[in-house]
Amino acid sequence: MSSYDGIWRIRRIDGLLPPMPGMRKYIAGGRGETRLGPLVARFVVDGTTLRYRTPFLGFVDVLEEVGDGRIAGRATFRGRTFGRFELIAVSPGRPREPE
């Protein structure tokens, strides 16, 4: 079980990230997915990083717990940060297993 297990709302802080209303991250164990409506981007949890799978190889979210049920994140591509965001717990605990 990952310490990030749960459903998370995403709030854009700055950078080249689009507005994120309605976007969620679902994390269970070592896997998860970012969803916006019917669009799904799957990732693997690797310590404090979320490493996206094909077709998003090279994209990695780097996470840091900041307290109050919030997690700060940096969106990176091939090691370069292009935006910052915050994860806010919607439903802590283990959601259904991502596919």
Protein backbone atom coordinates (compact mmCIF):
# COMPACT_ATOMS: atom_id res chain seq x y z
CA MET A 1 0.00 0.00 0.00
CA SER A 2 1.32 3.43 -0.99
CA SER A 3 1.13 6.43 1.35
CA TYR A 4 -0.47 8.19 -1.62
CA ASP A 5 -3.39 5.75 -1.85
CA GLY A 6 -6.66 7.55 -2.43
CA ILE A 7 -8.42 9.92 -4.77
CA TRP A 8 -6.84 13.35 -5.21
CA ARG A 9 -8.05 16.64 -6.65
CA ILE A 10 -5.37 18.54 -8.59
CA ARG A 11 -4.86 22.29 -8.25
CA ARG A 12 -2.53 24.05 -10.68
CA ILE A 13 0.05 26.34 -9.03
CA ASP A 14 2.11 27.62 -11.99
CA GLY A 15 3.99 26.74 -15.16
CA LEU A 16 2.87 25.21 -18.44
CA LEU A 17 0.07 23.14 -16.93
CA PRO A 18 -3.48 23.65 -18.18
CA PRO A 19 -6.34 24.59 -15.86
CA MET A 20 -7.29 21.44 -13.94
CA PRO A 21 -10.92 21.63 -12.77
CA GLY A 22 -12.38 18.14 -12.69
CA MET A 23 -8.98 16.42 -13.00
CA ARG A 24 -8.32 13.65 -10.46
CA LYS A 25 -5.55 11.19 -9.57
CA TYR A 26 -6.56 7.71 -8.42
CA ILE A 27 -3.75 5.84 -6.63
CA ALA A 28 -3.84 2.30 -5.26
CA GLY A 29 -0.64 0.51 -4.25
CA GLY A 30 2.04 0.86 -6.86
CA ARG A 31 -0.20 2.08 -9.67
CA GLY A 32 -2.53 4.90 -10.52
CA GLU A 33 -4.11 7.05 -13.17
CA THR A 34 -4.82 10.69 -13.84
CA ARG A 35 -8.30 11.26 -15.26
CA LEU A 36 -10.07 14.14 -16.93
CA GLY A 37 -13.46 12.99 -18.17
CA PRO A 38 -12.84 10.08 -20.55
CA LEU A 39 -9.09 10.82 -20.83
CA VAL A 40 -6.83 8.55 -18.74
CA ALA A 41 -3.04 8.67 -18.24
CA ARG A 42 -1.67 5.69 -16.29
CA PHE A 43 1.41 5.76 -14.08
CA VAL A 44 3.51 3.65 -11.72
CA VAL A 45 4.26 4.87 -8.18
CA ASP A 46 8.03 4.78 -7.59
CA GLY A 47 8.81 6.15 -4.12
CA THR A 48 7.84 9.84 -4.27
CA THR A 49 7.44 9.89 -8.05
CA LEU A 50 4.64 9.00 -10.44
CA ARG A 51 6.17 7.67 -13.69
CA TYR A 52 3.73 7.79 -16.57
CA ARG A 53 3.37 4.85 -18.93
CA THR A 54 3.02 4.80 -22.73
CA PRO A 55 2.11 7.08 -24.48
CA PHE A 56 3.37 9.52 -21.83
CA LEU A 57 6.86 8.06 -21.26
CA GLY A 58 9.28 10.71 -19.98
CA PHE A 59 6.62 12.49 -17.90
CA VAL A 60 7.17 12.19 -14.14
CA ASP A 61 5.37 13.87 -11.24
CA VAL A 62 7.65 14.45 -8.23
CA LEU A 63 5.71 14.61 -4.95
CA GLU A 64 6.41 16.08 -1.51
CA GLU A 65 4.02 15.89 1.46
CA VAL A 66 3.32 19.34 2.91
CA GLY A 67 0.74 18.46 5.59
CA ASP A 68 -2.97 19.02 6.10
CA GLY A 69 -3.76 16.22 3.63
CA ARG A 70 -1.98 18.09 0.82
CA ILE A 71 0.89 17.10 -1.39
CA ALA A 72 3.03 19.49 -3.46
CA GLY A 73 3.97 18.26 -6.91
CA ARG A 74 6.31 19.15 -9.75
CA ALA A 75 5.40 18.05 -13.28
CA THR A 76 8.56 17.11 -15.19
CA PHE A 77 9.45 15.87 -18.66
CA ARG A 78 12.80 14.14 -19.07
CA GLY A 79 14.00 15.66 -15.81
CA ARG A 80 12.96 19.27 -16.49
CA THR A 81 10.22 20.89 -14.43
CA PHE A 82 7.49 22.52 -16.49
CA GLY A 83 4.84 23.14 -13.83
CA ARG A 84 3.83 22.89 -10.20
CA PHE A 85 0.59 21.62 -8.71
CA GLU A 86 -0.97 20.55 -5.44
CA LEU A 87 -2.85 17.34 -4.62
CA ILE A 88 -5.74 17.64 -2.17
CA ALA A 89 -7.25 14.46 -0.72
CA VAL A 90 -10.82 13.84 -1.86
CA SER A 91 -11.07 10.31 -0.49
CA PRO A 92 -8.07 8.95 1.44
CA GLY A 93 -7.50 5.23 1.48
CA ARG A 94 -7.33 2.62 -1.20
CA PRO A 95 -9.65 3.14 -4.21
CA ARG A 96 -10.29 0.36 -6.72
CA GLU A 97 -7.16 -0.93 -8.45
CA PRO A 98 -6.30 1.11 -11.58
CA GLU A 99 -6.20 -0.94 -14.76
